[in-house]
Amino acid sequence: MGLATRRDAATVVLLREGSGRGATDGRLEVLLVGRPVASRFAPGAEVFPGGAVDPSDATPSWRRHSAGRARDAAVAPRIMIAAVRETFEECGVLLARDGSGRSCPPQLLAGLTGLRRLIHDGHPEEFQAGLRRAGLRPAWEDLTFCAHWVTPVGMPLIFDTRFFLAALPAGQEAQPDSGGELVSMRWVEPAQALNEAEQGRCLLLPPTRSVLAQLTAQPTVAAALAAARATRVRRVRPRLAEITAERYPGLDLETIHPGDGSR
């Protein structure tokens, strides 16, 4: 077996409190997006928005955006940039702030649909220039590192993925992906998503289930973020008895084991 392709990746767990329409009023919800059944990785699974780090996420000029800004020292800047870029591409939510530290206003976001389309069409390198033209920078302070998972040994694609919690910015709404990379998008309570997975009504990968399980005890966005900041993140790599791509989506959480601490 040849060496697997290994890539850094970033995932953002967007949080909000219930929309006020029925039983979820005031309760913590997360955004889940569905992957096509034809996907090479995690086919048919519901996941959090995210993706692989692009070489353009590591260009030195990004340092101007982060100068003097607080960020999590346990995570490389390129991974946090990928987290912001992928979230914007996949669901239209932009975790960015202007020079005064204000969150990206909805009226400014409306003018960035062309940038989102450009990134989706294979030009992630345009993200930095697009933010600069809009007078924005990545909102490092809005990302809270909460989990670190690595794809099992033996898989054809190895993703070294950092997970971040982030509150849905005021005035923004998740917008469906028009490029076909995702097939669904929904807000759901963590416990409800876990129950649906147990009943076979949706497919959740082990990292997704693990993060959802951590969130079930949190009543609000603020509580979830505070709990994550107070928790030491450990690198986790699942172990499979039989290494096959088909088994990974249904991997039992009992087979995981903690690796070295990363925070």
C-alpha atoms as a PDB file:
ATOM      1  CA  MET A   1       0.000   0.000   0.000  1.00  0.00           C
ATOM      2  CA  GLY A   2       1.388   3.408  -0.966  1.00  0.00           C
ATOM      3  CA  LEU A   3       1.622   6.355   1.353  1.00  0.00           C
ATOM      4  CA  ALA A   4      -1.713   8.052   1.946  1.00  0.00           C
ATOM      5  CA  THR A   5      -2.205  11.706   1.110  1.00  0.00           C
ATOM      6  CA  ARG A   6      -2.124  13.688   4.354  1.00  0.00           C
ATOM      7  CA  ARG A   7      -3.717  17.129   4.620  1.00  0.00           C
ATOM      8  CA  ASP A   8      -4.389  19.638   7.365  1.00  0.00           C
ATOM      9  CA  ALA A   9      -8.054  20.581   7.580  1.00  0.00           C
ATOM     10  CA  ALA A  10     -10.342  22.835   9.593  1.00  0.00           C
ATOM     11  CA  THR A  11     -13.982  22.509  10.616  1.00  0.00           C
ATOM     12  CA  VAL A  12     -16.280  25.101  12.185  1.00  0.00           C
ATOM     13  CA  VAL A  13     -19.159  24.174  14.474  1.00  0.00           C
ATOM     14  CA  LEU A  14     -21.544  27.098  14.047  1.00  0.00           C
ATOM     15  CA  LEU A  15     -23.773  27.722  17.058  1.00  0.00           C
ATOM     16  CA  ARG A  16     -26.948  29.661  17.647  1.00  0.00           C
ATOM     17  CA  GLU A  17     -29.807  29.667  20.111  1.00  0.00           C
ATOM     18  CA  GLY A  18     -33.237  28.522  18.909  1.00  0.00           C
ATOM     19  CA  SER A  19     -34.924  30.721  16.351  1.00  0.00           C
ATOM     20  CA  GLY A  20     -38.082  31.205  18.397  1.00  0.00           C
ATOM     21  CA  ARG A  21     -40.238  29.051  16.161  1.00  0.00           C
ATOM     22  CA  GLY A  22     -41.608  26.233  18.298  1.00  0.00           C
ATOM     23  CA  ALA A  23     -39.914  23.675  20.525  1.00  0.00           C
ATOM     24  CA  THR A  24     -36.323  24.802  19.884  1.00  0.00           C
ATOM     25  CA  ASP A  25     -36.931  28.343  21.172  1.00  0.00           C
ATOM     26  CA  GLY A  26     -33.831  29.427  23.093  1.00  0.00           C
ATOM     27  CA  ARG A  27     -32.062  26.062  22.920  1.00  0.00           C
ATOM     28  CA  LEU A  28     -28.568  25.551  21.575  1.00  0.00           C
ATOM     29  CA  GLU A  29     -28.460  24.487  17.916  1.00  0.00           C
ATOM     30  CA  VAL A  30     -25.628  23.557  15.544  1.00  0.00           C
ATOM     31  CA  LEU A  31     -25.418  23.749  11.755  1.00  0.00           C
ATOM     32  CA  LEU A  32     -25.045  20.412   9.961  1.00  0.00           C
ATOM     33  CA  VAL A  33     -24.466  20.094   6.223  1.00  0.00           C
ATOM     34  CA  GLY A  34     -24.948  16.956   4.144  1.00  0.00           C
ATOM     35  CA  ARG A  35     -22.334  15.451   1.835  1.00  0.00           C
ATOM     36  CA  PRO A  36     -23.362  13.764  -1.458  1.00  0.00           C
ATOM     37  CA  VAL A  37     -23.404   9.967  -1.482  1.00  0.00           C
ATOM     38  CA  ALA A  38     -20.878  10.098  -4.323  1.00  0.00           C
ATOM     39  CA  SER A  39     -18.290  11.948  -2.219  1.00  0.00           C
ATOM     40  CA  ARG A  40     -14.858  10.378  -1.999  1.00  0.00           C
ATOM     41  CA  PHE A  41     -14.667  11.084   1.738  1.00  0.00           C
ATOM     42  CA  ALA A  42     -17.551  10.669   4.226  1.00  0.00           C
ATOM     43  CA  PRO A  43     -20.202   9.937   1.562  1.00  0.00           C
ATOM     44  CA  GLY A  44     -23.740  10.635   2.725  1.00  0.00           C
ATOM     45  CA  ALA A  45     -22.657  11.919   6.129  1.00  0.00           C
ATOM     46  CA  GLU A  46     -23.848  15.059   7.872  1.00  0.00           C
ATOM     47  CA  VAL A  47     -20.871  17.120   8.953  1.00  0.00           C
ATOM     48  CA  PHE A  48     -19.894  20.594  10.112  1.00  0.00           C
ATOM     49  CA  PRO A  49     -18.750  23.104   7.463  1.00  0.00           C
ATOM     50  CA  GLY A  50     -15.045  22.856   6.688  1.00  0.00           C
ATOM     51  CA  GLY A  51     -12.371  21.501   4.414  1.00  0.00           C
ATOM     52  CA  ALA A  52      -8.683  21.137   3.670  1.00  0.00           C
ATOM     53  CA  VAL A  53      -6.081  23.843   4.091  1.00  0.00           C
ATOM     54  CA  ASP A  54      -5.083  25.384   0.750  1.00  0.00           C
ATOM     55  CA  PRO A  55      -1.503  26.538   0.020  1.00  0.00           C
ATOM     56  CA  SER A  56      -2.843  30.086  -0.326  1.00  0.00           C
ATOM     57  CA  ASP A  57      -3.912  29.973   3.340  1.00  0.00           C
ATOM     58  CA  ALA A  58      -0.228  29.963   4.300  1.00  0.00           C
ATOM     59  CA  THR A  59       1.004  32.907   2.214  1.00  0.00           C
ATOM     60  CA  PRO A  60       3.153  35.337   4.279  1.00  0.00           C
ATOM     61  CA  SER A  61       0.931  38.308   3.404  1.00  0.00           C
ATOM     62  CA  TRP A  62      -1.783  36.917   5.693  1.00  0.00           C
ATOM     63  CA  ARG A  63       0.389  38.063   8.601  1.00  0.00           C
ATOM     64  CA  ARG A  64      -0.788  41.639   8.030  1.00  0.00           C
ATOM     65  CA  HIS A  65      -4.318  40.524   8.864  1.00  0.00           C
ATOM     66  CA  SER A  66      -3.248  38.930  12.139  1.00  0.00           C
ATOM     67  CA  ALA A  67      -0.802  41.554  13.365  1.00  0.00           C
ATOM     68  CA  GLY A  68      -1.613  42.436  16.952  1.00  0.00           C
ATOM     69  CA  ARG A  69      -4.720  40.236  16.980  1.00  0.00           C
ATOM     70  CA  ALA A  70      -5.272  37.591  19.639  1.00  0.00           C
ATOM     71  CA  ARG A  71      -5.580  34.027  18.372  1.00  0.00           C
ATOM     72  CA  ASP A  72      -5.193  30.521  19.751  1.00  0.00           C
ATOM     73  CA  ALA A  73      -1.463  29.818  19.935  1.00  0.00           C
ATOM     74  CA  ALA A  74      -2.122  26.060  19.769  1.00  0.00           C
ATOM     75  CA  VAL A  75      -3.323  26.328  16.151  1.00  0.00           C
ATOM     76  CA  ALA A  76      -1.325  27.539  13.150  1.00  0.00           C
ATOM     77  CA  PRO A  77      -2.711  30.663  11.412  1.00  0.00           C
ATOM     78  CA  ARG A  78      -3.150  28.827   8.096  1.00  0.00           C
ATOM     79  CA  ILE A  79      -5.612  26.428   9.743  1.00  0.00           C
ATOM     80  CA  MET A  80      -7.695  29.260  11.186  1.00  0.00           C
ATOM     81  CA  ILE A  81      -7.714  31.004   7.801  1.00  0.00           C
ATOM     82  CA  ALA A  82      -8.924  27.777   6.187  1.00  0.00           C
ATOM     83  CA  ALA A  83     -11.665  27.560   8.834  1.00  0.00           C
ATOM     84  CA  VAL A  84     -12.949  31.038   7.962  1.00  0.00           C
ATOM     85  CA  ARG A  85     -12.611  30.538   4.199  1.00  0.00           C
ATOM     86  CA  GLU A  86     -14.294  27.136   4.081  1.00  0.00           C
ATOM     87  CA  THR A  87     -17.191  28.275   6.275  1.00  0.00           C
ATOM     88  CA  PHE A  88     -17.760  31.232   3.964  1.00  0.00           C
ATOM     89  CA  GLU A  89     -17.574  29.045   0.852  1.00  0.00           C
ATOM     90  CA  GLU A  90     -19.834  26.265   2.103  1.00  0.00           C
ATOM     91  CA  CYS A  91     -22.563  28.144   3.949  1.00  0.00           C
ATOM     92  CA  GLY A  92     -22.067  31.846   3.259  1.00  0.00           C
ATOM     93  CA  VAL A  93     -21.284  32.719   6.887  1.00  0.00           C
ATOM     94  CA  LEU A  94     -18.295  35.053   7.137  1.00  0.00           C
ATOM     95  CA  LEU A  95     -16.373  35.088  10.420  1.00  0.00           C
ATOM     96  CA  ALA A  96     -14.633  38.388   9.796  1.00  0.00           C
ATOM     97  CA  ARG A  97     -14.321  41.810  11.413  1.00  0.00           C
ATOM     98  CA  ASP A  98     -13.509  45.295  10.176  1.00  0.00           C
ATOM     99  CA  GLY A  99     -10.678  47.535  11.294  1.00  0.00           C
ATOM    100  CA  SER A 100     -12.672  48.663  14.327  1.00  0.00           C
ATOM    101  CA  GLY A 101     -13.289  45.095  15.442  1.00  0.00           C
ATOM    102  CA  ARG A 102     -16.946  45.044  14.428  1.00  0.00           C
ATOM    103  CA  SER A 103     -18.382  41.837  13.008  1.00  0.00           C
ATOM    104  CA  CYS A 104     -18.979  41.845   9.253  1.00  0.00           C
ATOM    105  CA  PRO A 105     -22.315  43.662   8.741  1.00  0.00           C
ATOM    106  CA  PRO A 106     -24.992  41.874   6.687  1.00  0.00           C
ATOM    107  CA  GLN A 107     -25.136  44.660   4.081  1.00  0.00           C
ATOM    108  CA  LEU A 108     -21.413  44.251   3.391  1.00  0.00           C
ATOM    109  CA  LEU A 109     -21.736  40.475   3.271  1.00  0.00           C
ATOM    110  CA  ALA A 110     -24.409  40.805   0.578  1.00  0.00           C
ATOM    111  CA  GLY A 111     -21.796  42.330  -1.716  1.00  0.00           C
ATOM    112  CA  LEU A 112     -19.434  39.377  -1.352  1.00  0.00           C
ATOM    113  CA  THR A 113     -21.487  36.739  -3.171  1.00  0.00           C
ATOM    114  CA  GLY A 114     -19.147  37.037  -6.150  1.00  0.00           C
ATOM    115  CA  LEU A 115     -16.154  36.287  -3.927  1.00  0.00           C
ATOM    116  CA  ARG A 116     -17.893  33.214  -2.516  1.00  0.00           C
ATOM    117  CA  ARG A 117     -18.629  31.981  -6.038  1.00  0.00           C
ATOM    118  CA  LEU A 118     -15.031  32.620  -7.110  1.00  0.00           C
ATOM    119  CA  ILE A 119     -13.673  30.583  -4.202  1.00  0.00           C
ATOM    120  CA  HIS A 120     -16.124  27.788  -4.921  1.00  0.00           C
ATOM    121  CA  ASP A 121     -15.010  27.741  -8.560  1.00  0.00           C
ATOM    122  CA  GLY A 122     -11.476  26.855  -7.525  1.00  0.00           C
ATOM    123  CA  HIS A 123      -9.829  30.161  -6.659  1.00  0.00           C
ATOM    124  CA  PRO A 124      -9.230  30.116  -2.880  1.00  0.00           C
ATOM    125  CA  GLU A 125      -6.282  32.430  -3.401  1.00  0.00           C
ATOM    126  CA  GLU A 126      -8.757  35.251  -4.081  1.00  0.00           C
ATOM    127  CA  PHE A 127     -10.063  35.139  -0.501  1.00  0.00           C
ATOM    128  CA  GLN A 128      -7.374  37.367   0.977  1.00  0.00           C
ATOM    129  CA  ALA A 129      -7.704  40.062  -1.687  1.00  0.00           C
ATOM    130  CA  GLY A 130     -11.489  39.962  -1.397  1.00  0.00           C
ATOM    131  CA  LEU A 131     -11.377  40.528   2.356  1.00  0.00           C
ATOM    132  CA  ARG A 132      -8.880  43.346   1.955  1.00  0.00           C
ATOM    133  CA  ARG A 133     -11.075  45.133  -0.603  1.00  0.00           C
ATOM    134  CA  ALA A 134     -13.999  44.888   1.812  1.00  0.00           C
ATOM    135  CA  GLY A 135     -11.906  46.245   4.688  1.00  0.00           C
ATOM    136  CA  LEU A 136     -12.189  42.984   6.611  1.00  0.00           C
ATOM    137  CA  ARG A 137      -9.890  40.528   8.381  1.00  0.00           C
ATOM    138  CA  PRO A 138     -10.405  36.963   9.663  1.00  0.00           C
ATOM    139  CA  ALA A 139     -12.050  37.037  13.095  1.00  0.00           C
ATOM    140  CA  TRP A 140      -9.526  34.959  15.019  1.00  0.00           C
ATOM    141  CA  GLU A 141     -11.211  35.845  18.302  1.00  0.00           C
ATOM    142  CA  ASP A 142     -14.493  34.262  17.158  1.00  0.00           C
ATOM    143  CA  LEU A 143     -12.949  30.791  16.756  1.00  0.00           C
ATOM    144  CA  THR A 144     -12.647  28.563  19.835  1.00  0.00           C
ATOM    145  CA  PHE A 145     -10.509  25.446  19.381  1.00  0.00           C
ATOM    146  CA  CYS A 146     -12.531  22.488  20.677  1.00  0.00           C
ATOM    147  CA  ALA A 147     -11.319  19.208  19.129  1.00  0.00           C
ATOM    148  CA  HIS A 148      -8.519  17.631  17.094  1.00  0.00           C
ATOM    149  CA  TRP A 149      -9.077  14.417  15.127  1.00  0.00           C
ATOM    150  CA  VAL A 150      -6.934  12.532  12.623  1.00  0.00           C
ATOM    151  CA  THR A 151      -8.270  10.044  10.049  1.00  0.00           C
ATOM    152  CA  PRO A 152      -7.416   6.398  10.901  1.00  0.00           C
ATOM    153  CA  VAL A 153      -4.196   4.851   9.621  1.00  0.00           C
ATOM    154  CA  GLY A 154      -4.753   2.961   6.390  1.00  0.00           C
ATOM    155  CA  MET A 155      -7.309   5.282   4.835  1.00  0.00           C
ATOM    156  CA  PRO A 156      -6.464   6.644   1.352  1.00  0.00           C
ATOM    157  CA  LEU A 157      -6.960  10.220   2.561  1.00  0.00           C
ATOM    158  CA  ILE A 158      -5.596  11.311   5.940  1.00  0.00           C
ATOM    159  CA  PHE A 159      -7.101  14.523   7.309  1.00  0.00           C
ATOM    160  CA  ASP A 160      -5.506  16.135  10.362  1.00  0.00           C
ATOM    161  CA  THR A 161      -8.506  18.226  11.395  1.00  0.00           C
ATOM    162  CA  ARG A 162      -8.952  20.948  13.987  1.00  0.00           C
ATOM    163  CA  PHE A 163     -12.496  21.760  15.091  1.00  0.00           C
ATOM    164  CA  PHE A 164     -13.609  25.219  16.209  1.00  0.00           C
ATOM    165  CA  LEU A 165     -16.770  26.492  17.842  1.00  0.00           C
ATOM    166  CA  ALA A 166     -18.115  29.839  16.608  1.00  0.00           C
ATOM    167  CA  ALA A 167     -21.303  31.756  17.265  1.00  0.00           C
ATOM    168  CA  LEU A 168     -23.367  32.625  14.195  1.00  0.00           C
ATOM    169  CA  PRO A 169     -22.634  36.348  13.673  1.00  0.00           C
ATOM    170  CA  ALA A 170     -25.533  38.695  14.330  1.00  0.00           C
ATOM    171  CA  GLY A 171     -27.574  39.411  11.202  1.00  0.00           C
ATOM    172  CA  GLN A 172     -26.077  36.548   9.198  1.00  0.00           C
ATOM    173  CA  GLU A 173     -27.887  33.430   8.008  1.00  0.00           C
ATOM    174  CA  ALA A 174     -26.480  30.228   6.561  1.00  0.00           C
ATOM    175  CA  GLN A 175     -27.048  30.108   2.807  1.00  0.00           C
ATOM    176  CA  PRO A 176     -27.270  26.834   0.812  1.00  0.00           C
ATOM    177  CA  ASP A 177     -24.365  25.782  -1.357  1.00  0.00           C
ATOM    178  CA  SER A 178     -25.260  26.272  -5.026  1.00  0.00           C
ATOM    179  CA  GLY A 179     -22.250  24.368  -6.365  1.00  0.00           C
ATOM    180  CA  GLY A 180     -23.377  20.861  -5.484  1.00  0.00           C
ATOM    181  CA  GLU A 181     -20.665  20.165  -2.912  1.00  0.00           C
ATOM    182  CA  LEU A 182     -23.363  19.854  -0.240  1.00  0.00           C
ATOM    183  CA  VAL A 183     -26.858  18.403  -0.518  1.00  0.00           C
ATOM    184  CA  SER A 184     -28.494  19.637   2.687  1.00  0.00           C
ATOM    185  CA  MET A 185     -28.199  22.208   5.461  1.00  0.00           C
ATOM    186  CA  ARG A 186     -30.064  22.361   8.758  1.00  0.00           C
ATOM    187  CA  TRP A 187     -29.962  23.707  12.296  1.00  0.00           C
ATOM    188  CA  VAL A 188     -30.521  21.025  14.908  1.00  0.00           C
ATOM    189  CA  GLU A 189     -30.092  20.496  18.653  1.00  0.00           C
ATOM    190  CA  PRO A 190     -27.034  18.313  19.422  1.00  0.00           C
ATOM    191  CA  ALA A 191     -29.054  15.708  21.350  1.00  0.00           C
ATOM    192  CA  GLN A 192     -31.606  15.444  18.539  1.00  0.00           C
ATOM    193  CA  ALA A 193     -28.902  14.819  15.927  1.00  0.00           C
ATOM    194  CA  LEU A 194     -27.347  12.103  18.107  1.00  0.00           C
ATOM    195  CA  ASN A 195     -30.730  10.456  18.619  1.00  0.00           C
ATOM    196  CA  GLU A 196     -31.372  10.461  14.870  1.00  0.00           C
ATOM    197  CA  ALA A 197     -27.992   8.839  14.271  1.00  0.00           C
ATOM    198  CA  GLU A 198     -28.765   6.143  16.844  1.00  0.00           C
ATOM    199  CA  GLN A 199     -32.037   5.432  15.017  1.00  0.00           C
ATOM    200  CA  GLY A 200     -30.275   5.252  11.648  1.00  0.00           C
ATOM    201  CA  ARG A 201     -32.019   8.368  10.325  1.00  0.00           C
ATOM    202  CA  CYS A 202     -28.765  10.205   9.642  1.00  0.00           C
ATOM    203  CA  LEU A 203     -25.079   9.333   9.355  1.00  0.00           C
ATOM    204  CA  LEU A 204     -22.598  11.046  11.670  1.00  0.00           C
ATOM    205  CA  LEU A 205     -18.858  10.361  11.696  1.00  0.00           C
ATOM    206  CA  PRO A 206     -17.177   9.743  15.062  1.00  0.00           C
ATOM    207  CA  PRO A 207     -15.650  13.250  15.344  1.00  0.00           C
ATOM    208  CA  THR A 208     -19.036  14.826  14.646  1.00  0.00           C
ATOM    209  CA  ARG A 209     -20.729  12.619  17.230  1.00  0.00           C
ATOM    210  CA  SER A 210     -18.019  13.370  19.767  1.00  0.00           C
ATOM    211  CA  VAL A 211     -18.350  17.159  19.406  1.00  0.00           C
ATOM    212  CA  LEU A 212     -22.148  16.933  19.499  1.00  0.00           C
ATOM    213  CA  ALA A 213     -21.934  14.880  22.686  1.00  0.00           C
ATOM    214  CA  GLN A 214     -19.796  17.599  24.305  1.00  0.00           C
ATOM    215  CA  LEU A 215     -22.427  20.189  23.399  1.00  0.00           C
ATOM    216  CA  THR A 216     -25.461  18.343  24.765  1.00  0.00           C
ATOM    217  CA  ALA A 217     -24.759  19.625  28.293  1.00  0.00           C
ATOM    218  CA  GLN A 218     -24.493  23.275  27.212  1.00  0.00           C
ATOM    219  CA  PRO A 219     -27.682  25.388  27.355  1.00  0.00           C
ATOM    220  CA  THR A 220     -26.418  28.458  25.499  1.00  0.00           C
ATOM    221  CA  VAL A 221     -23.825  29.579  22.973  1.00  0.00           C
ATOM    222  CA  ALA A 222     -21.927  31.449  25.689  1.00  0.00           C
ATOM    223  CA  ALA A 223     -21.846  28.369  27.910  1.00  0.00           C
ATOM    224  CA  ALA A 224     -20.598  26.174  25.058  1.00  0.00           C
ATOM    225  CA  LEU A 225     -17.786  28.580  24.200  1.00  0.00           C
ATOM    226  CA  ALA A 226     -16.764  28.957  27.855  1.00  0.00           C
ATOM    227  CA  ALA A 227     -16.682  25.190  28.357  1.00  0.00           C
ATOM    228  CA  ALA A 228     -14.511  24.714  25.268  1.00  0.00           C
ATOM    229  CA  ARG A 229     -12.048  27.382  26.400  1.00  0.00           C
ATOM    230  CA  ALA A 230     -11.714  25.634  29.749  1.00  0.00           C
ATOM    231  CA  THR A 231     -11.140  22.171  28.257  1.00  0.00           C
ATOM    232  CA  ARG A 232      -7.766  20.806  27.199  1.00  0.00           C
ATOM    233  CA  VAL A 233      -7.951  19.621  23.594  1.00  0.00           C
ATOM    234  CA  ARG A 234      -6.366  16.236  22.911  1.00  0.00           C
ATOM    235  CA  ARG A 235      -5.416  14.791  19.558  1.00  0.00           C
ATOM    236  CA  VAL A 236      -7.558  11.728  18.814  1.00  0.00           C
ATOM    237  CA  ARG A 237      -6.928   9.126  16.139  1.00  0.00           C
ATOM    238  CA  PRO A 238      -9.465   6.284  15.751  1.00  0.00           C
ATOM    239  CA  ARG A 239      -8.224   2.714  15.522  1.00  0.00           C
ATOM    240  CA  LEU A 240      -9.887   0.275  13.166  1.00  0.00           C
ATOM    241  CA  ALA A 241      -9.851  -3.510  13.390  1.00  0.00           C
ATOM    242  CA  GLU A 242     -10.299  -3.617   9.609  1.00  0.00           C
ATOM    243  CA  ILE A 243      -9.105  -0.601   7.684  1.00  0.00           C
ATOM    244  CA  THR A 244     -11.655   0.098   4.955  1.00  0.00           C
ATOM    245  CA  ALA A 245     -13.217   3.303   3.706  1.00  0.00           C
ATOM    246  CA  GLU A 246     -16.634   1.668   3.997  1.00  0.00           C
ATOM    247  CA  ARG A 247     -16.288   1.043   7.723  1.00  0.00           C
ATOM    248  CA  TYR A 248     -15.118   4.476   8.804  1.00  0.00           C
ATOM    249  CA  PRO A 249     -18.518   6.237   8.504  1.00  0.00           C
ATOM    250  CA  GLY A 250     -20.024   3.693  10.906  1.00  0.00           C
ATOM    251  CA  LEU A 251     -17.085   3.491  13.288  1.00  0.00           C
ATOM    252  CA  ASP A 252     -18.147   2.911  16.913  1.00  0.00           C
ATOM    253  CA  LEU A 253     -16.840   5.566  19.310  1.00  0.00           C
ATOM    254  CA  GLU A 254     -15.702   2.728  21.615  1.00  0.00           C
ATOM    255  CA  THR A 255     -12.763   2.086  19.275  1.00  0.00           C
ATOM    256  CA  ILE A 256     -11.133   5.478  19.670  1.00  0.00           C
ATOM    257  CA  HIS A 257      -8.162   6.152  21.889  1.00  0.00           C
ATOM    258  CA  PRO A 258      -6.660   9.513  22.907  1.00  0.00           C
ATOM    259  CA  GLY A 259      -3.342  10.524  21.482  1.00  0.00           C
ATOM    260  CA  ASP A 260      -0.862  13.193  22.533  1.00  0.00           C
ATOM    261  CA  GLY A 261      -2.204  16.377  24.067  1.00  0.00           C
ATOM    262  CA  SER A 262      -2.186  19.417  21.792  1.00  0.00           C
ATOM    263  CA  ARG A 263      -3.374  21.957  24.314  1.00  0.00           C
END
